[in-house]
Amino acid sequence: MVRIENRETRVMRIGSREFDTEHQTYIMGILNVTPDSFSDGGKYSRIDAALTHAEEMIRDGADIIDVGGESTRPGHQQITDEEEIERVAPVIETLKARFDTPISVDTYKSAVAREALKAGADLVNDIWGLKYDPQMAGLIAESGATCCLMHNRDNTDYGQFIPEFLDDMRECVRLADVAGISRNKIILDPGVGFGKTYEMNLEIISRLEVMHELGLPLLLGTSRKSVIGLTLELPPKEREEGTLVTTVYGVQKGCAFVRVHDVEKNKRAVKMTRALMEHRLI
């Protein structure tokens, strides 16, 4: 049984930066170096375009840059480890040479994570929460990197969604514990858009507070996802207002990080929401 901790003031170090995950909400900017991402596929697959976009996101206030080399959109085509490494490692290495912003690698494969960490990545963002690749947890523990463990399933068959969702998340934390990953190196992601129906996606966003019993910082990743598209009946590039609403909701529910495409607008939304929340406490 995973030990449940009370939430307390905590500072998490990612790369060279410290993050107050109890009192602040930070922006993780998405950098897809893929030809087939659902939102911006192919736009930043060339290294010069990727670096220019990363620089723009950092200028707009990104606290972390998340580099992904394989699309995880519904129906995506899985690529080889070698191809994914060729996409992400040079970008990560160049970003680390130019900027002091922490870099995350979005991968569920230990071979890719290993090369990304060698290139300078500070965080491993695993969409399978250590459950896909049995080597991943040990690699992260050995490296001392931070990890983000996302909820995922290969089906949507739940008896009771929220209790089983929390059990799944506890299993991710258990795997991390067994491998020796420090609790102050773990972020949890509810996995909006993965292993859930439309209604389940809405439910977990609206009930994010249930995850606080796990005692770990939360990351919310809803940017331009299908739950927004289905609700508003809009294509990916027209889902920014919906994304901003979920960002505000995430801040109010105590998320420490939001993973987004449009850094500038979401940074402003976080700042405004925080100001209102802090004023309410005066």
Protein backbone atom coordinates (compact mmCIF):
# COMPACT_ATOMS: atom_id res chain seq x y z
CA MET A 1 0.00 0.00 0.00
CA VAL A 2 1.42 3.40 -0.97
CA ARG A 3 1.86 5.66 2.02
CA ILE A 4 -0.25 8.79 1.71
CA GLU A 5 1.37 12.04 2.78
CA ASN A 6 -0.26 15.29 3.82
CA ARG A 7 0.32 18.20 1.47
CA GLU A 8 2.87 20.59 2.87
CA THR A 9 4.99 23.46 1.69
CA ARG A 10 7.61 21.98 -0.58
CA VAL A 11 10.27 23.13 -2.96
CA MET A 12 11.12 20.92 -5.94
CA ARG A 13 14.39 21.31 -7.79
CA ILE A 14 14.28 20.66 -11.54
CA GLY A 15 17.58 21.29 -13.26
CA SER A 16 19.06 24.49 -11.88
CA ARG A 17 15.71 25.95 -10.77
CA GLU A 18 13.63 25.63 -7.64
CA PHE A 19 9.83 25.40 -7.87
CA ASP A 20 7.44 26.25 -5.03
CA THR A 21 4.89 23.58 -5.88
CA GLU A 22 2.62 24.44 -2.98
CA HIS A 23 1.98 28.12 -3.70
CA GLN A 24 2.65 28.66 -7.41
CA THR A 25 1.54 27.34 -10.80
CA TYR A 26 4.28 27.03 -13.42
CA ILE A 27 4.09 26.80 -17.21
CA MET A 28 5.45 23.82 -19.13
CA GLY A 29 5.69 24.81 -22.79
CA ILE A 30 5.12 22.08 -25.39
CA LEU A 31 7.77 21.62 -28.09
CA ASN A 32 6.76 18.84 -30.46
CA VAL A 33 9.56 17.88 -32.85
CA THR A 34 7.28 15.47 -34.68
CA PRO A 35 5.75 15.48 -38.16
CA ASP A 36 2.35 14.22 -36.94
CA SER A 37 1.38 15.88 -33.66
CA PHE A 38 -2.39 16.50 -33.47
CA SER A 39 -1.95 20.25 -32.91
CA ASP A 40 1.29 21.40 -34.52
CA GLY A 41 2.63 18.36 -36.35
CA GLY A 42 5.63 19.13 -38.56
CA LYS A 43 5.78 22.79 -37.61
CA TYR A 44 8.87 22.44 -35.41
CA SER A 45 10.43 19.22 -36.74
CA ARG A 46 13.48 21.11 -38.09
CA ILE A 47 16.00 21.96 -35.38
CA ASP A 48 16.20 25.66 -36.30
CA ALA A 49 12.40 26.03 -36.15
CA ALA A 50 12.30 24.10 -32.85
CA LEU A 51 14.94 26.35 -31.28
CA THR A 52 13.20 29.51 -32.46
CA HIS A 53 9.92 28.34 -30.98
CA ALA A 54 11.59 27.33 -27.71
CA GLU A 55 13.16 30.78 -27.47
CA GLU A 56 9.73 32.37 -28.04
CA MET A 57 8.16 30.25 -25.30
CA ILE A 58 10.94 31.09 -22.84
CA ARG A 59 10.54 34.78 -23.65
CA ASP A 60 6.78 34.44 -23.07
CA GLY A 61 7.38 32.96 -19.63
CA ALA A 62 7.76 29.18 -19.95
CA ASP A 63 9.27 27.69 -16.80
CA ILE A 64 10.00 24.30 -18.41
CA ILE A 65 10.24 23.20 -22.06
CA ASP A 66 8.82 19.73 -22.78
CA VAL A 67 10.39 18.15 -25.88
CA GLY A 68 8.46 15.33 -27.56
CA GLY A 69 9.66 13.21 -30.47
CA GLU A 70 6.72 10.84 -30.93
CA SER A 71 3.11 11.88 -31.32
CA THR A 72 0.75 10.34 -28.75
CA ARG A 73 -2.44 11.52 -30.45
CA PRO A 74 -5.21 8.90 -30.96
CA GLY A 75 -4.19 6.50 -33.73
CA HIS A 76 -0.57 7.67 -33.74
CA GLN A 77 2.14 5.56 -35.37
CA GLN A 78 4.77 4.31 -32.93
CA ILE A 79 8.32 4.97 -34.10
CA THR A 80 11.59 3.23 -33.27
CA ASP A 81 13.73 4.26 -30.31
CA GLU A 82 16.48 5.30 -32.71
CA GLU A 83 14.22 7.63 -34.69
CA GLU A 84 12.84 9.22 -31.53
CA ILE A 85 16.35 9.73 -30.16
CA GLU A 86 17.44 11.36 -33.42
CA ARG A 87 14.55 13.80 -33.11
CA VAL A 88 14.89 14.82 -29.46
CA ALA A 89 18.54 14.48 -28.39
CA PRO A 90 20.04 17.18 -30.67
CA VAL A 91 17.27 19.62 -29.75
CA ILE A 92 17.71 19.02 -26.01
CA GLU A 93 21.48 19.34 -26.24
CA THR A 94 21.23 22.64 -28.11
CA LEU A 95 18.54 24.02 -25.77
CA LYS A 96 20.70 23.23 -22.73
CA ALA A 97 23.66 24.97 -24.32
CA ARG A 98 21.67 28.14 -25.01
CA PHE A 99 19.22 28.48 -22.12
CA ASP A 100 19.10 27.75 -18.39
CA THR A 101 15.40 26.80 -18.52
CA PRO A 102 14.79 23.21 -17.35
CA ILE A 103 14.15 20.74 -20.16
CA SER A 104 11.73 17.82 -20.04
CA VAL A 105 11.63 14.88 -22.44
CA ASP A 106 8.20 13.48 -23.27
CA THR A 107 8.81 9.74 -23.66
CA TYR A 108 7.72 6.41 -22.20
CA LYS A 109 10.78 4.51 -23.50
CA SER A 110 13.85 4.09 -21.30
CA ALA A 111 16.28 4.00 -24.24
CA VAL A 112 15.04 7.40 -25.39
CA ALA A 113 15.01 8.77 -21.86
CA ARG A 114 18.61 7.61 -21.31
CA GLU A 115 19.90 9.49 -24.36
CA ALA A 116 17.77 12.54 -23.55
CA LEU A 117 19.22 12.63 -20.03
CA LYS A 118 22.72 12.36 -21.48
CA ALA A 119 21.87 15.31 -23.73
CA GLY A 120 20.89 17.33 -20.65
CA ALA A 121 17.20 16.70 -19.96
CA ASP A 122 16.20 17.45 -16.37
CA LEU A 123 12.79 15.74 -16.27
CA VAL A 124 11.26 12.61 -17.79
CA ASN A 125 7.58 13.02 -18.68
CA ASP A 126 6.25 9.45 -18.94
CA ILE A 127 2.71 9.12 -20.32
CA TRP A 128 2.54 5.55 -19.00
CA GLY A 129 3.59 6.40 -15.46
CA LEU A 130 6.47 3.85 -15.35
CA LYS A 131 4.12 1.01 -16.42
CA TYR A 132 5.16 0.61 -20.07
CA ASP A 133 8.92 0.10 -19.84
CA PRO A 134 10.22 -1.88 -16.83
CA GLN A 135 13.62 -0.18 -17.14
CA MET A 136 12.27 3.36 -16.88
CA ALA A 137 11.87 3.64 -13.09
CA GLY A 138 15.39 2.40 -12.39
CA LEU A 139 16.88 4.73 -14.97
CA ILE A 140 15.16 7.76 -13.45
CA ALA A 141 16.20 6.76 -9.93
CA GLU A 142 19.82 6.27 -11.00
CA SER A 143 19.94 9.58 -12.87
CA GLY A 144 18.38 11.62 -10.06
CA ALA A 145 16.11 13.32 -12.60
CA THR A 146 12.61 14.53 -11.82
CA CYS A 147 9.73 12.60 -13.36
CA CYS A 148 6.12 13.31 -14.25
CA LEU A 149 3.97 10.18 -14.00
CA MET A 150 0.78 10.30 -16.03
CA HIS A 151 -2.34 8.21 -15.56
CA ASN A 152 -3.05 5.96 -18.53
CA ARG A 153 -4.84 2.78 -19.51
CA ASP A 154 -5.26 0.89 -22.76
CA ASN A 155 -9.03 0.80 -22.18
CA THR A 156 -11.84 2.77 -20.54
CA ASP A 157 -13.30 -0.12 -18.55
CA TYR A 158 -13.83 1.08 -14.98
CA GLY A 159 -16.23 -0.10 -12.33
CA GLN A 160 -15.96 3.10 -10.31
CA PHE A 161 -13.90 5.66 -12.18
CA ILE A 162 -12.44 7.88 -9.46
CA PRO A 163 -11.52 5.12 -6.95
CA GLU A 164 -9.91 3.02 -9.70
CA PHE A 165 -8.17 6.06 -11.16
CA LEU A 166 -6.62 6.76 -7.75
CA ASP A 167 -5.59 3.12 -7.40
CA ASP A 168 -3.85 3.37 -10.78
CA MET A 169 -2.02 6.50 -9.63
CA ARG A 170 -0.98 4.82 -6.38
CA GLU A 171 0.54 2.01 -8.44
CA CYS A 172 2.63 4.56 -10.38
CA VAL A 173 3.88 5.98 -7.09
CA ARG A 174 4.57 2.46 -5.76
CA LEU A 175 6.73 1.68 -8.80
CA ALA A 176 8.65 4.89 -8.19
CA ASP A 177 9.10 4.07 -4.52
CA VAL A 178 10.35 0.55 -5.23
CA ALA A 179 12.89 1.89 -7.73
CA GLY A 180 14.15 4.44 -5.22
CA ILE A 181 12.86 7.62 -6.85
CA SER A 182 12.67 10.31 -4.19
CA ARG A 183 9.19 11.68 -3.48
CA ASN A 184 10.48 15.22 -4.05
CA LYS A 185 11.28 14.16 -7.63
CA ILE A 186 7.74 13.07 -8.57
CA ILE A 187 4.94 15.01 -10.28
CA LEU A 188 1.56 13.41 -11.06
CA ASP A 189 -0.57 14.04 -14.16
CA PRO A 190 -4.25 12.91 -14.33
CA GLY A 191 -3.82 12.01 -18.00
CA VAL A 192 -6.64 13.94 -19.62
CA GLY A 193 -7.35 12.32 -22.99
CA PHE A 194 -5.76 8.97 -22.15
CA GLY A 195 -7.68 5.85 -21.11
CA LYS A 196 -10.85 7.82 -20.41
CA THR A 197 -14.17 8.59 -22.04
CA TYR A 198 -15.27 12.15 -22.74
CA GLU A 199 -17.32 12.17 -19.55
CA MET A 200 -14.40 10.80 -17.51
CA ASN A 201 -12.12 13.51 -18.83
CA LEU A 202 -14.58 16.17 -17.70
CA GLU A 203 -14.96 14.47 -14.34
CA ILE A 204 -11.27 14.27 -13.53
CA ILE A 205 -10.70 17.91 -14.53
CA SER A 206 -13.62 19.00 -12.36
CA ARG A 207 -12.44 16.84 -9.43
CA LEU A 208 -8.68 17.38 -9.54
CA GLU A 209 -8.68 17.94 -5.78
CA VAL A 210 -9.10 14.18 -5.22
CA MET A 211 -5.47 13.75 -6.29
CA HIS A 212 -4.17 15.81 -3.38
CA GLU A 213 -4.54 12.81 -1.09
CA LEU A 214 -1.54 11.34 -2.93
CA GLY A 215 0.58 14.13 -1.47
CA LEU A 216 2.48 15.02 -4.65
CA PRO A 217 2.52 18.05 -7.00
CA LEU A 218 0.08 17.95 -9.90
CA LEU A 219 0.49 18.79 -13.57
CA LEU A 220 -2.56 19.42 -15.74
CA GLY A 221 -2.24 18.87 -19.48
CA THR A 222 -5.42 19.74 -21.38
CA SER A 223 -4.05 22.05 -24.07
CA ARG A 224 -6.14 21.84 -27.26
CA LYS A 225 -7.24 18.29 -26.40
CA SER A 226 -10.32 16.50 -27.70
CA VAL A 227 -12.33 17.02 -24.50
CA ILE A 228 -12.23 20.74 -25.34
CA GLY A 229 -12.84 20.15 -29.02
CA LEU A 230 -15.85 17.93 -28.38
CA THR A 231 -17.33 20.37 -25.89
CA LEU A 232 -16.88 23.44 -28.09
CA GLU A 233 -17.10 21.63 -31.45
CA LEU A 234 -13.82 23.15 -32.59
CA PRO A 235 -10.64 21.91 -34.31
CA PRO A 236 -7.31 21.88 -32.37
CA LYS A 237 -6.09 25.34 -33.43
CA GLU A 238 -9.33 26.97 -32.23
CA ARG A 239 -9.35 25.49 -28.73
CA GLU A 240 -7.30 28.13 -26.92
CA GLU A 241 -10.18 29.71 -24.99
CA GLY A 242 -11.21 26.28 -23.75
CA THR A 243 -7.64 25.57 -22.74
CA LEU A 244 -7.47 28.83 -20.78
CA VAL A 245 -10.61 27.90 -18.85
CA THR A 246 -9.07 24.57 -17.82
CA THR A 247 -5.85 26.35 -16.86
CA VAL A 248 -7.78 28.67 -14.54
CA TYR A 249 -9.58 25.66 -13.11
CA GLY A 250 -6.25 23.88 -12.58
CA VAL A 251 -4.82 26.85 -10.69
CA GLN A 252 -7.90 26.99 -8.47
CA LYS A 253 -7.62 23.25 -7.82
CA GLY A 254 -3.99 23.55 -6.72
CA CYS A 255 -2.04 22.33 -9.75
CA ALA A 256 1.66 23.17 -9.59
CA PHE A 257 2.16 22.93 -13.36
CA VAL A 258 0.12 23.31 -16.54
CA ARG A 259 1.40 21.93 -19.85
CA VAL A 260 0.37 24.18 -22.75
CA HIS A 261 1.00 25.21 -26.35
CA ASP A 262 0.31 28.95 -26.00
CA VAL A 263 2.62 30.01 -23.18
CA GLU A 264 1.91 33.75 -23.20
CA LYS A 265 -1.88 33.54 -22.83
CA ASN A 266 -1.75 30.79 -20.22
CA LYS A 267 0.91 32.63 -18.22
CA ARG A 268 -1.40 35.65 -18.08
CA ALA A 269 -4.35 33.47 -17.07
CA VAL A 270 -2.33 31.92 -14.24
CA LYS A 271 -1.16 35.32 -13.01
CA MET A 272 -4.68 36.78 -12.99
CA THR A 273 -6.16 33.73 -11.27
CA ARG A 274 -3.44 33.79 -8.62
CA ALA A 275 -4.03 37.49 -7.96
CA LEU A 276 -7.74 36.89 -7.39
CA MET A 277 -7.11 33.89 -5.17
CA GLU A 278 -4.56 35.74 -3.06
CA HIS A 279 -6.83 38.78 -2.71
CA ARG A 280 -9.60 36.51 -1.47
CA LEU A 281 -7.31 35.35 1.35
CA ILE A 282 -6.51 38.88 2.57
